[in-house]
Each structure stands twice: as C-alpha cells, then as structure tokens.
C-alpha cells in the first residue's frame, strides 16, 4: 500500500508541506509507504487541450519537457493520492491546477487510470477566503476521476500563521489543523485496510 502526496505550494518546505508531512508520518505509523513531491521548483505547464492523449492512449501527456509524465506514472502506482495547496487568493495554486488538468486528461483518455484510488485534499489558508473553494477544487478532481474522497473531523484545512517559506514555529502551530490532519490520516488508513481485506 502506497500513499503519494503532491504539494502545489510555490514555496518548498513551507506550511503546506508541513501539513502533508503530518498526514504522511501518521500513515507510515500504519505501515503505509509514503512519498512527498513538492512542485515548488518545478515548471508544470498547463494543458493545451490538444486531446492527443485521447488519440495516443499511451498513458502519457504529449508535453514532454517537464516532469508531469514521471509524476503521473507515480500516481498510477499509488493507492492513495493526497493533493495539497495553499490558498493565496481564493483558490489553489495555478501549478496544482495545471497538474490536475493534465493528469486528469491522461487518466480519462486511458480508461480512468486513477479510478477507485483513495483521494484526499489538504488546503492551507492564510486569510479568511478561499479555503473551502480550494478544497472543493481538489475534491472535484477526485470525483471526476471516479476516486473515493476521504474527509476528516472537519474540513481538511490548516491555518498558516507564519510565512509559507518556513515551517511553523511552536507559537504558530495550528493545533486544530494538526488534529484534522491526524484524523484524516486515520480515516485514510482505516479505509485502505478495509479495501485490502476485501
């Protein structure tokens, strides 16, 4: 059983990665293999709507000069996919949107390669607006891909009180957000084990 988490943050090692690592570390305690990919230093190009993936059906996007195809292959090999993003202005980052669009198109073009995988979104907000909308954007991707969406004790949202460029300091830690991430991990693990036992 493997879980892969993708951080769409523009800053590496920031609050979004911190929240995703919280989930992944708890999954590791449940003997689930994990991997975190941070897109911060990556250029992920947007989908061009060329529909060549539907023509080629080779499980690849025709755009070959970024790492999307490598990451998509890793998504197909995982059982659990966790997508995380900060909300800078009302929605998730453009980089994560581009990632979802291209992975989603290639998946659908090849018979829904992400179908029935477990999906969970994690959103970190800095101001009041956008967190729910951002989480909805991620969840809609999972639903369109026919994945099983997992929730927590509340919405899968954390509050970033410090800079995204640095991890939380002790005084800035969002205790409620951390509890939400831990419960999310427990729910993911519970469902994953139920599915294995079938």
Protein backbone atom coordinates (compact mmCIF):
# COMPACT_ATOMS: atom_id res chain seq x y z
CA UNK A 1 0.00 0.00 0.00
CA UNK A 2 1.44 3.37 -1.01
CA UNK A 3 0.39 6.98 -0.48
CA UNK A 4 1.75 9.82 -2.58
CA UNK A 5 1.29 13.47 -1.63
CA UNK A 6 1.73 16.37 -4.03
CA UNK A 7 2.34 19.88 -2.71
CA UNK A 8 1.31 22.63 -5.12
CA UNK A 9 2.88 25.35 -2.99
CA UNK A 10 5.17 27.90 -4.61
CA UNK A 11 7.49 27.56 -1.59
CA UNK A 12 9.38 24.37 -0.78
CA UNK A 13 9.31 23.12 2.81
CA UNK A 14 6.57 25.51 3.89
CA UNK A 15 3.29 25.15 5.72
CA UNK A 16 1.60 23.04 3.03
CA UNK A 17 4.47 20.54 3.13
CA UNK A 18 4.28 20.61 6.93
CA UNK A 19 0.60 19.63 6.90
CA UNK A 20 1.14 16.95 4.24
CA UNK A 21 4.07 15.50 6.20
CA UNK A 22 1.84 15.32 9.27
CA UNK A 23 -0.57 13.11 7.33
CA UNK A 24 2.21 11.02 5.75
CA UNK A 25 4.03 10.41 9.04
CA UNK A 26 0.84 9.09 10.59
CA UNK A 27 0.25 6.83 7.57
CA UNK A 28 3.79 5.47 7.95
CA UNK A 29 2.93 4.52 11.55
CA UNK A 30 0.13 2.46 9.99
CA UNK A 31 2.68 0.67 7.74
CA UNK A 32 1.70 2.54 4.59
CA UNK A 33 4.59 3.53 2.32
CA UNK A 34 4.65 7.27 1.58
CA UNK A 35 6.20 9.79 -0.77
CA UNK A 36 6.04 13.59 -0.84
CA UNK A 37 6.57 15.52 -4.07
CA UNK A 38 6.89 19.29 -3.87
CA UNK A 39 6.23 21.12 -7.13
CA UNK A 40 7.74 24.40 -5.88
CA UNK A 41 10.85 24.28 -8.05
CA UNK A 42 9.14 22.56 -10.98
CA UNK A 43 7.68 24.09 -14.09
CA UNK A 44 4.39 22.31 -14.75
CA UNK A 45 2.91 23.52 -18.00
CA UNK A 46 -0.82 23.95 -18.47
CA UNK A 47 -2.97 21.61 -20.52
CA UNK A 48 -3.26 22.82 -24.13
CA UNK A 49 -6.48 20.89 -24.84
CA UNK A 50 -4.83 19.19 -27.81
CA UNK A 51 -6.55 15.88 -26.95
CA UNK A 52 -3.57 13.92 -28.27
CA UNK A 53 -3.68 11.82 -25.09
CA UNK A 54 -7.08 10.53 -26.27
CA UNK A 55 -5.62 9.71 -29.68
CA UNK A 56 -2.34 8.17 -28.48
CA UNK A 57 -3.70 6.32 -25.41
CA UNK A 58 -0.14 5.69 -24.24
CA UNK A 59 -0.70 6.88 -20.63
CA UNK A 60 1.38 9.99 -21.29
CA UNK A 61 0.80 13.67 -21.89
CA UNK A 62 2.19 14.86 -25.22
CA UNK A 63 4.03 17.69 -23.42
CA UNK A 64 7.39 16.09 -22.65
CA UNK A 65 9.60 18.96 -21.46
CA UNK A 66 8.53 18.89 -17.81
CA UNK A 67 8.21 16.13 -15.16
CA UNK A 68 4.45 15.64 -15.37
CA UNK A 69 4.60 12.22 -17.05
CA UNK A 70 7.01 10.93 -14.41
CA UNK A 71 4.72 12.17 -11.64
CA UNK A 72 1.60 10.81 -13.33
CA UNK A 73 3.17 7.35 -13.53
CA UNK A 74 3.82 7.51 -9.79
CA UNK A 75 0.17 8.47 -9.20
CA UNK A 76 -0.97 5.40 -11.12
CA UNK A 77 1.29 3.19 -8.99
CA UNK A 78 -0.06 4.62 -5.71
CA UNK A 79 -3.18 3.51 -3.86
CA UNK A 80 -3.70 6.83 -2.06
CA UNK A 81 -3.30 10.30 -3.58
CA UNK A 82 -3.17 13.40 -1.38
CA UNK A 83 -3.12 16.80 -3.08
CA UNK A 84 -2.15 19.86 -1.06
CA UNK A 85 -2.11 23.56 -1.78
CA UNK A 86 -2.00 26.90 -0.05
CA UNK A 87 -4.70 29.39 -0.92
CA UNK A 88 -3.02 32.63 -1.89
CA UNK A 89 -6.05 34.27 -3.48
CA UNK A 90 -9.37 32.43 -3.27
CA UNK A 91 -8.22 29.12 -4.85
CA UNK A 92 -5.42 26.57 -5.09
CA UNK A 93 -2.23 27.44 -6.94
CA UNK A 94 -2.12 27.56 -10.75
CA UNK A 95 0.65 24.96 -10.64
CA UNK A 96 -1.58 22.41 -8.90
CA UNK A 97 -4.45 23.24 -11.25
CA UNK A 98 -2.17 22.56 -14.25
CA UNK A 99 -1.02 19.32 -12.61
CA UNK A 100 -4.60 18.16 -12.03
CA UNK A 101 -5.79 19.13 -15.50
CA UNK A 102 -3.06 17.24 -17.34
CA UNK A 103 -3.10 14.19 -15.05
CA UNK A 104 -6.88 14.14 -15.24
CA UNK A 105 -6.95 14.26 -19.02
CA UNK A 106 -4.37 11.48 -19.41
CA UNK A 107 -6.21 9.37 -16.84
CA UNK A 108 -9.56 9.76 -18.60
CA UNK A 109 -8.02 9.22 -22.05
CA UNK A 110 -6.74 5.84 -20.93
CA UNK A 111 -9.87 4.48 -19.27
CA UNK A 112 -9.70 6.39 -15.95
CA UNK A 113 -6.36 5.18 -14.61
CA UNK A 114 -6.97 6.84 -11.22
CA UNK A 115 -10.39 5.26 -10.77
CA UNK A 116 -11.19 3.89 -7.29
CA UNK A 117 -7.98 5.17 -5.72
CA UNK A 118 -8.33 6.94 -2.37
CA UNK A 119 -8.09 10.73 -2.64
CA UNK A 120 -7.71 13.43 0.00
CA UNK A 121 -7.19 17.16 -0.32
CA UNK A 122 -5.27 19.36 2.11
CA UNK A 123 -5.54 23.14 1.98
CA UNK A 124 -3.60 25.72 3.98
CA UNK A 125 -5.08 29.19 4.20
CA UNK A 126 -3.61 32.50 5.31
CA UNK A 127 -6.69 34.70 5.19
CA UNK A 128 -10.39 34.05 5.59
CA UNK A 129 -11.42 33.47 1.98
CA UNK A 130 -10.73 30.64 -0.41
CA UNK A 131 -10.03 27.60 1.76
CA UNK A 132 -13.35 25.85 1.16
CA UNK A 133 -13.31 26.75 -2.52
CA UNK A 134 -9.74 25.42 -2.79
CA UNK A 135 -10.68 22.14 -1.12
CA UNK A 136 -13.68 21.87 -3.43
CA UNK A 137 -11.40 22.29 -6.45
CA UNK A 138 -9.27 19.34 -5.34
CA UNK A 139 -12.28 17.20 -4.42
CA UNK A 140 -13.93 17.85 -7.79
CA UNK A 141 -10.80 16.48 -9.46
CA UNK A 142 -11.08 13.29 -7.38
CA UNK A 143 -14.79 12.94 -8.14
CA UNK A 144 -14.35 13.41 -11.89
CA UNK A 145 -11.62 10.75 -11.79
CA UNK A 146 -14.02 8.36 -10.01
CA UNK A 147 -11.87 8.25 -6.89
CA UNK A 148 -13.04 7.75 -3.29
CA UNK A 149 -12.79 11.03 -1.37
CA UNK A 150 -11.82 10.96 2.31
CA UNK A 151 -12.62 13.58 4.91
CA UNK A 152 -11.63 14.27 8.50
CA UNK A 153 -13.34 15.56 11.66
CA UNK A 154 -13.93 18.85 9.85
CA UNK A 155 -12.71 20.20 6.51
CA UNK A 156 -9.12 19.25 5.59
CA UNK A 157 -7.87 22.78 6.18
CA UNK A 158 -4.98 24.19 8.19
CA UNK A 159 -4.17 27.79 9.03
CA UNK A 160 -0.74 29.10 8.05
CA UNK A 161 0.12 31.78 10.55
CA UNK A 162 3.76 32.09 9.55
CA UNK A 163 5.46 32.51 6.22
CA UNK A 164 4.95 29.77 3.66
CA UNK A 165 8.72 29.91 3.17
CA UNK A 166 9.37 28.48 6.62
CA UNK A 167 7.75 25.79 8.71
CA UNK A 168 5.58 26.74 11.63
CA UNK A 169 7.28 27.90 14.80
CA UNK A 170 6.00 26.48 18.07
CA UNK A 171 3.85 29.55 18.74
CA UNK A 172 2.33 29.45 15.26
CA UNK A 173 1.24 25.81 15.11
CA UNK A 174 -2.42 25.38 14.26
CA UNK A 175 -3.39 22.69 16.78
CA UNK A 176 -6.88 22.26 15.34
CA UNK A 177 -5.42 21.89 11.85
CA UNK A 178 -2.93 19.28 13.06
CA UNK A 179 -5.73 17.30 14.73
CA UNK A 180 -7.65 17.46 11.46
CA UNK A 181 -4.61 16.09 9.57
CA UNK A 182 -4.12 13.25 12.07
CA UNK A 183 -7.79 12.26 11.86
CA UNK A 184 -7.56 12.44 8.08
CA UNK A 185 -4.62 10.01 8.17
CA UNK A 186 -6.55 7.64 10.44
CA UNK A 187 -9.56 7.70 8.11
CA UNK A 188 -7.36 7.04 5.08
CA UNK A 189 -5.65 4.15 6.85
CA UNK A 190 -8.95 2.66 8.01
CA UNK A 191 -10.42 2.67 4.51
CA UNK A 192 -7.22 1.41 2.89
CA UNK A 193 -7.12 -1.58 5.26
CA UNK A 194 -10.81 -2.29 4.64
CA UNK A 195 -10.19 -2.33 0.90
CA UNK A 196 -7.20 -4.65 1.24
CA UNK A 197 -9.22 -7.09 3.33
CA UNK A 198 -11.93 -7.41 0.65
